[in-house]
């Protein structure tokens, strides 16, 4: 095995009814963020083009685990999944949560979608 990939689909915010929103501190804490006036998040208000859902279309979020020597050793030693994930992140792996959160920070999706799809 050279690598393993996980993927999920996130709903995109409808571009026709997109508006800024602020989240309470406890919601931001769930995704590993602290309140910052420079952070701007968005949501879809709901319109006829998105059938009043606030979302239109989907995009993928992915995590690719490349099996390097350290990961291979952990697998051979039957390490638990947390140890393998920690080693992969230390080697530069972007997790599903990281990829999803980046899409929320770029205004492509909502924090609610991040929590629905990638929250562990």
N, C-alpha and C. Protein backbone atom coordinates (compact mmCIF):
# COMPACT_ATOMS: atom_id res chain seq x y z
N UNK A 1 0.86 -1.18 0.00
CA UNK A 1 0.00 0.00 0.00
C UNK A 1 0.90 1.23 0.00
N UNK A 2 0.60 2.14 -0.90
CA UNK A 2 1.35 3.39 -1.01
C UNK A 2 0.69 4.48 -0.18
N UNK A 3 -0.64 4.44 -0.12
CA UNK A 3 -1.38 5.46 0.62
C UNK A 3 -2.84 5.10 0.76
N UNK A 4 -3.52 5.86 1.58
CA UNK A 4 -4.95 5.67 1.82
C UNK A 4 -5.61 7.04 1.76
N UNK A 5 -6.76 7.13 1.10
CA UNK A 5 -7.45 8.41 0.97
C UNK A 5 -8.86 8.31 1.57
N UNK A 6 -9.24 9.35 2.31
CA UNK A 6 -10.60 9.48 2.81
C UNK A 6 -11.19 10.73 2.19
N UNK A 7 -12.47 10.67 1.88
CA UNK A 7 -13.11 11.86 1.30
C UNK A 7 -14.56 11.97 1.76
N UNK A 8 -15.04 13.19 1.80
CA UNK A 8 -16.43 13.50 2.14
C UNK A 8 -16.87 14.64 1.22
N UNK A 9 -18.16 14.84 1.12
CA UNK A 9 -18.69 15.96 0.35
C UNK A 9 -19.27 17.01 1.28
N UNK A 10 -18.91 18.26 1.03
CA UNK A 10 -19.45 19.42 1.75
C UNK A 10 -20.39 20.17 0.83
N UNK A 11 -21.43 20.73 1.39
CA UNK A 11 -22.30 21.60 0.60
C UNK A 11 -21.67 22.97 0.48
N UNK A 12 -21.75 23.56 -0.72
CA UNK A 12 -21.26 24.92 -0.96
C UNK A 12 -22.33 25.93 -0.61
N UNK A 13 -21.89 27.08 -0.11
CA UNK A 13 -22.82 28.18 0.16
C UNK A 13 -23.34 28.70 -1.18
N UNK A 14 -24.62 28.99 -1.24
CA UNK A 14 -25.22 29.56 -2.45
C UNK A 14 -24.62 30.95 -2.69
N UNK A 15 -24.02 31.18 -3.85
CA UNK A 15 -23.40 32.49 -4.11
C UNK A 15 -24.41 33.62 -4.26
N UNK A 16 -25.68 33.30 -4.52
CA UNK A 16 -26.69 34.34 -4.71
C UNK A 16 -27.26 34.89 -3.41
N UNK A 17 -27.14 34.13 -2.33
CA UNK A 17 -27.70 34.64 -1.05
C UNK A 17 -26.66 34.59 0.07
N UNK A 18 -25.40 34.54 -0.29
CA UNK A 18 -24.29 34.47 0.66
C UNK A 18 -24.21 35.76 1.47
N UNK A 19 -24.08 35.60 2.81
CA UNK A 19 -23.95 36.77 3.69
C UNK A 19 -23.03 36.44 4.86
N UNK A 20 -22.36 37.45 5.42
CA UNK A 20 -21.46 37.21 6.56
C UNK A 20 -22.23 36.78 7.80
N UNK A 21 -21.58 36.01 8.63
CA UNK A 21 -22.17 35.55 9.88
C UNK A 21 -21.07 35.45 10.92
N UNK A 22 -21.42 35.65 12.18
CA UNK A 22 -20.44 35.43 13.25
C UNK A 22 -20.93 34.26 14.09
N UNK A 23 -19.97 33.51 14.62
CA UNK A 23 -20.29 32.33 15.41
C UNK A 23 -19.92 32.55 16.86
N UNK A 24 -20.66 31.94 17.78
CA UNK A 24 -20.29 32.03 19.20
C UNK A 24 -18.96 31.32 19.47
N UNK A 25 -18.34 31.70 20.55
CA UNK A 25 -17.03 31.17 20.91
C UNK A 25 -17.02 29.65 21.03
N UNK A 26 -18.09 29.06 21.58
CA UNK A 26 -18.11 27.61 21.77
C UNK A 26 -18.15 26.85 20.43
N UNK A 27 -18.80 27.41 19.42
CA UNK A 27 -18.85 26.77 18.10
C UNK A 27 -17.47 26.83 17.46
N UNK A 28 -16.81 27.99 17.56
CA UNK A 28 -15.46 28.12 17.00
C UNK A 28 -14.48 27.19 17.71
N UNK A 29 -14.66 27.01 19.01
CA UNK A 29 -13.77 26.13 19.78
C UNK A 29 -13.87 24.69 19.28
N UNK A 30 -15.05 24.27 18.84
CA UNK A 30 -15.22 22.90 18.34
C UNK A 30 -14.36 22.63 17.10
N UNK A 31 -14.10 23.66 16.31
CA UNK A 31 -13.26 23.49 15.12
C UNK A 31 -11.83 23.96 15.37
N UNK A 32 -11.52 24.27 16.62
CA UNK A 32 -10.15 24.61 16.98
C UNK A 32 -9.76 26.06 16.75
N UNK A 33 -10.75 26.96 16.70
CA UNK A 33 -10.46 28.37 16.48
C UNK A 33 -10.84 29.19 17.70
N UNK A 34 -10.21 30.34 17.83
CA UNK A 34 -10.59 31.31 18.86
C UNK A 34 -11.17 32.52 18.14
N UNK A 35 -12.07 33.24 18.79
CA UNK A 35 -12.66 34.42 18.14
C UNK A 35 -11.59 35.42 17.72
N UNK A 36 -11.75 35.94 16.52
CA UNK A 36 -10.81 36.91 15.97
C UNK A 36 -11.61 37.83 15.05
N UNK A 37 -11.55 39.15 15.27
CA UNK A 37 -12.32 40.06 14.43
C UNK A 37 -11.94 39.98 12.95
N UNK A 38 -10.75 39.45 12.66
CA UNK A 38 -10.33 39.32 11.27
C UNK A 38 -10.93 38.12 10.55
N UNK A 39 -11.50 37.20 11.32
CA UNK A 39 -12.12 36.02 10.70
C UNK A 39 -13.53 36.36 10.24
N UNK A 40 -13.80 36.10 8.98
CA UNK A 40 -15.14 36.33 8.45
C UNK A 40 -15.65 35.01 7.90
N UNK A 41 -16.82 34.62 8.39
CA UNK A 41 -17.47 33.41 7.91
C UNK A 41 -18.75 33.80 7.18
N UNK A 42 -19.27 32.89 6.39
CA UNK A 42 -20.47 33.17 5.60
C UNK A 42 -21.48 32.05 5.75
N UNK A 43 -22.71 32.38 5.38
CA UNK A 43 -23.79 31.40 5.30
C UNK A 43 -24.69 31.82 4.16
N UNK A 44 -25.54 30.91 3.73
CA UNK A 44 -26.53 31.24 2.73
C UNK A 44 -27.83 31.59 3.43
N UNK A 45 -28.40 32.72 3.10
CA UNK A 45 -29.63 33.18 3.72
C UNK A 45 -30.81 32.33 3.27
N UNK A 46 -30.74 31.84 2.02
CA UNK A 46 -31.85 31.07 1.43
C UNK A 46 -32.51 31.93 0.36
N UNK A 47 -32.63 31.38 -0.83
CA UNK A 47 -33.26 32.11 -1.93
C UNK A 47 -33.90 31.10 -2.89
N UNK A 48 -34.55 31.60 -3.91
CA UNK A 48 -35.21 30.70 -4.85
C UNK A 48 -34.21 29.85 -5.63
N UNK A 49 -33.00 30.35 -5.85
CA UNK A 49 -32.01 29.60 -6.63
C UNK A 49 -31.46 28.40 -5.87
N UNK A 50 -31.51 28.44 -4.54
CA UNK A 50 -31.02 27.30 -3.73
C UNK A 50 -32.18 26.60 -3.01
N UNK A 51 -33.40 26.86 -3.44
CA UNK A 51 -34.61 26.27 -2.82
C UNK A 51 -34.67 26.57 -1.33
N UNK A 52 -34.25 27.79 -0.96
CA UNK A 52 -34.29 28.29 0.42
C UNK A 52 -33.41 27.50 1.40
N UNK A 53 -32.43 26.75 0.88
CA UNK A 53 -31.55 25.97 1.76
C UNK A 53 -30.29 26.73 2.17
N UNK A 54 -29.86 27.69 1.35
CA UNK A 54 -28.61 28.40 1.61
C UNK A 54 -27.41 27.70 1.01
N UNK A 55 -27.63 26.55 0.41
CA UNK A 55 -26.54 25.78 -0.18
C UNK A 55 -26.86 25.47 -1.63
N UNK A 56 -25.81 25.42 -2.45
CA UNK A 56 -25.99 25.01 -3.84
C UNK A 56 -24.69 24.38 -4.33
N UNK A 57 -24.76 23.13 -4.68
CA UNK A 57 -23.59 22.39 -5.14
C UNK A 57 -22.81 21.80 -3.99
N UNK A 58 -21.83 20.98 -4.37
CA UNK A 58 -20.99 20.32 -3.37
C UNK A 58 -19.53 20.36 -3.80
N UNK A 59 -18.67 20.19 -2.82
CA UNK A 59 -17.23 20.10 -3.09
C UNK A 59 -16.65 19.03 -2.18
N UNK A 60 -15.55 18.45 -2.60
CA UNK A 60 -14.94 17.38 -1.82
C UNK A 60 -13.92 17.91 -0.82
N UNK A 61 -13.83 17.21 0.31
CA UNK A 61 -12.74 17.42 1.26
C UNK A 61 -12.03 16.08 1.37
N UNK A 62 -10.72 16.13 1.43
CA UNK A 62 -9.94 14.91 1.38
C UNK A 62 -8.80 14.90 2.38
N UNK A 63 -8.39 13.68 2.71
CA UNK A 63 -7.23 13.44 3.55
C UNK A 63 -6.50 12.27 2.92
N UNK A 64 -5.21 12.46 2.68
CA UNK A 64 -4.42 11.40 2.06
C UNK A 64 -3.30 11.01 3.01
N UNK A 65 -3.32 9.75 3.40
CA UNK A 65 -2.30 9.20 4.29
C UNK A 65 -1.27 8.49 3.42
N UNK A 66 -0.09 9.08 3.32
CA UNK A 66 1.01 8.48 2.57
C UNK A 66 1.75 7.55 3.52
N UNK A 67 1.94 6.31 3.09
CA UNK A 67 2.60 5.33 3.95
C UNK A 67 4.13 5.48 3.81
N UNK A 68 4.71 6.24 4.74
CA UNK A 68 6.17 6.40 4.77
C UNK A 68 6.76 5.33 5.70
N UNK A 69 8.05 5.35 5.90
CA UNK A 69 8.70 4.33 6.73
C UNK A 69 8.17 4.33 8.17
N UNK A 70 7.99 5.52 8.73
CA UNK A 70 7.51 5.61 10.11
C UNK A 70 6.10 5.04 10.24
N UNK A 71 5.22 5.37 9.30
CA UNK A 71 3.84 4.85 9.32
C UNK A 71 3.87 3.33 9.11
N UNK A 72 4.70 2.90 8.19
CA UNK A 72 4.80 1.46 7.92
C UNK A 72 5.21 0.70 9.18
N UNK A 73 6.17 1.24 9.91
CA UNK A 73 6.61 0.62 11.16
C UNK A 73 5.48 0.58 12.17
N UNK A 74 4.74 1.67 12.30
CA UNK A 74 3.62 1.70 13.24
C UNK A 74 2.56 0.66 12.88
N UNK A 75 2.29 0.52 11.60
CA UNK A 75 1.29 -0.46 11.16
C UNK A 75 1.79 -1.88 11.49
N UNK A 76 3.04 -2.15 11.19
CA UNK A 76 3.61 -3.47 11.48
C UNK A 76 3.56 -3.78 12.98
N UNK A 77 3.74 -2.75 13.80
CA UNK A 77 3.71 -2.93 15.25
C UNK A 77 2.29 -2.91 15.82
N UNK A 78 1.31 -2.82 14.94
CA UNK A 78 -0.11 -2.81 15.31
C UNK A 78 -0.44 -1.64 16.26
N UNK A 79 0.11 -0.47 15.96
CA UNK A 79 -0.19 0.74 16.73
C UNK A 79 -1.65 1.11 16.51
N UNK A 80 -2.23 1.81 17.48
CA UNK A 80 -3.63 2.21 17.30
C UNK A 80 -3.73 3.38 16.31
N UNK A 81 -4.95 3.62 15.85
CA UNK A 81 -5.17 4.62 14.80
C UNK A 81 -4.77 6.03 15.22
N UNK A 82 -4.88 6.35 16.50
CA UNK A 82 -4.47 7.68 16.97
C UNK A 82 -2.98 7.90 16.80
N UNK A 83 -2.19 6.88 17.10
CA UNK A 83 -0.73 7.00 16.94
C UNK A 83 -0.36 7.15 15.47
N UNK A 84 -1.03 6.40 14.61
CA UNK A 84 -0.76 6.49 13.18
C UNK A 84 -1.15 7.87 12.66
N UNK A 85 -2.29 8.38 13.10
CA UNK A 85 -2.73 9.71 12.66
C UNK A 85 -1.76 10.79 13.14
N UNK A 86 -1.31 10.70 14.38
CA UNK A 86 -0.36 11.67 14.90
C UNK A 86 0.93 11.67 14.09
N UNK A 87 1.41 10.49 13.73
CA UNK A 87 2.63 10.40 12.93
C UNK A 87 2.40 10.97 11.53
N UNK A 88 1.23 10.72 10.96
CA UNK A 88 0.92 11.23 9.63
C UNK A 88 0.81 12.75 9.63
N UNK A 89 0.17 13.30 10.63
CA UNK A 89 0.05 14.76 10.74
C UNK A 89 1.44 15.38 10.94
N UNK A 90 2.26 14.74 11.76
CA UNK A 90 3.63 15.24 11.97
C UNK A 90 4.42 15.22 10.66
N UNK A 91 4.08 14.28 9.77
CA UNK A 91 4.76 14.18 8.48
C UNK A 91 4.15 15.10 7.43
N UNK A 92 3.10 15.86 7.81
CA UNK A 92 2.53 16.84 6.90
C UNK A 92 1.17 16.53 6.32
N UNK A 93 0.51 15.48 6.79
CA UNK A 93 -0.82 15.15 6.28
C UNK A 93 -1.84 16.22 6.66
N UNK A 94 -2.68 16.61 5.71
CA UNK A 94 -3.80 17.51 5.98
C UNK A 94 -5.01 16.63 6.29
N UNK A 95 -5.62 16.84 7.44
CA UNK A 95 -6.77 16.02 7.84
C UNK A 95 -8.05 16.51 7.16
N UNK A 96 -9.09 15.68 7.24
CA UNK A 96 -10.40 16.09 6.72
C UNK A 96 -10.84 17.40 7.37
N UNK A 97 -10.66 17.50 8.68
CA UNK A 97 -11.05 18.71 9.40
C UNK A 97 -10.29 19.92 8.90
N UNK A 98 -8.99 19.79 8.70
CA UNK A 98 -8.18 20.90 8.21
C UNK A 98 -8.65 21.36 6.83
N UNK A 99 -8.90 20.40 5.94
CA UNK A 99 -9.34 20.73 4.58
C UNK A 99 -10.72 21.39 4.60
N UNK A 100 -11.63 20.85 5.40
CA UNK A 100 -12.97 21.41 5.50
C UNK A 100 -12.94 22.81 6.11
N UNK A 101 -12.15 22.99 7.15
CA UNK A 101 -12.05 24.30 7.81
C UNK A 101 -11.45 25.34 6.86
N UNK A 102 -10.49 24.94 6.05
CA UNK A 102 -9.92 25.87 5.07
C UNK A 102 -11.01 26.34 4.10
N UNK A 103 -11.90 25.45 3.71
CA UNK A 103 -12.98 25.83 2.80
C UNK A 103 -13.96 26.79 3.48
N UNK A 104 -14.17 26.63 4.79
CA UNK A 104 -15.02 27.58 5.52
C UNK A 104 -14.32 28.93 5.64
N UNK A 105 -13.03 28.93 5.89
CA UNK A 105 -12.27 30.18 6.01
C UNK A 105 -12.21 30.94 4.69
N UNK A 106 -12.26 30.22 3.57
CA UNK A 106 -12.28 30.85 2.24
C UNK A 106 -13.69 31.22 1.80
N UNK A 107 -14.69 30.97 2.64
CA UNK A 107 -16.06 31.37 2.33
C UNK A 107 -16.79 30.44 1.38
N UNK A 108 -16.30 29.24 1.23
CA UNK A 108 -16.92 28.29 0.32
C UNK A 108 -18.04 27.49 0.99
N UNK A 109 -17.91 27.26 2.30
CA UNK A 109 -18.91 26.50 3.04
C UNK A 109 -19.07 27.10 4.43
N UNK A 110 -19.95 26.53 5.23
CA UNK A 110 -20.23 27.05 6.57
C UNK A 110 -19.54 26.21 7.64
N UNK A 111 -19.42 26.78 8.81
CA UNK A 111 -18.86 26.04 9.94
C UNK A 111 -19.79 24.88 10.30
N UNK A 112 -21.09 25.06 10.14
CA UNK A 112 -22.03 23.96 10.41
C UNK A 112 -21.73 22.76 9.52
N UNK A 113 -21.41 23.02 8.26
CA UNK A 113 -21.07 21.94 7.33
C UNK A 113 -19.77 21.27 7.75
N UNK A 114 -18.81 22.05 8.18
CA UNK A 114 -17.54 21.49 8.66
C UNK A 114 -17.81 20.54 9.82
N UNK A 115 -18.62 20.97 10.76
CA UNK A 115 -18.94 20.14 11.92
C UNK A 115 -19.74 18.91 11.52
N UNK A 116 -20.63 19.04 10.57
CA UNK A 116 -21.45 17.91 10.13
C UNK A 116 -20.61 16.85 9.43
N UNK A 117 -19.66 17.28 8.63
CA UNK A 117 -18.93 16.35 7.78
C UNK A 117 -17.61 15.89 8.38
N UNK A 118 -16.89 16.74 9.09
CA UNK A 118 -15.52 16.40 9.48
C UNK A 118 -15.25 16.39 10.98
N UNK A 119 -16.23 16.68 11.80
CA UNK A 119 -16.00 16.74 13.24
C UNK A 119 -15.77 15.33 13.79
N UNK A 120 -14.72 15.17 14.56
CA UNK A 120 -14.38 13.84 15.08
C UNK A 120 -14.78 13.70 16.51
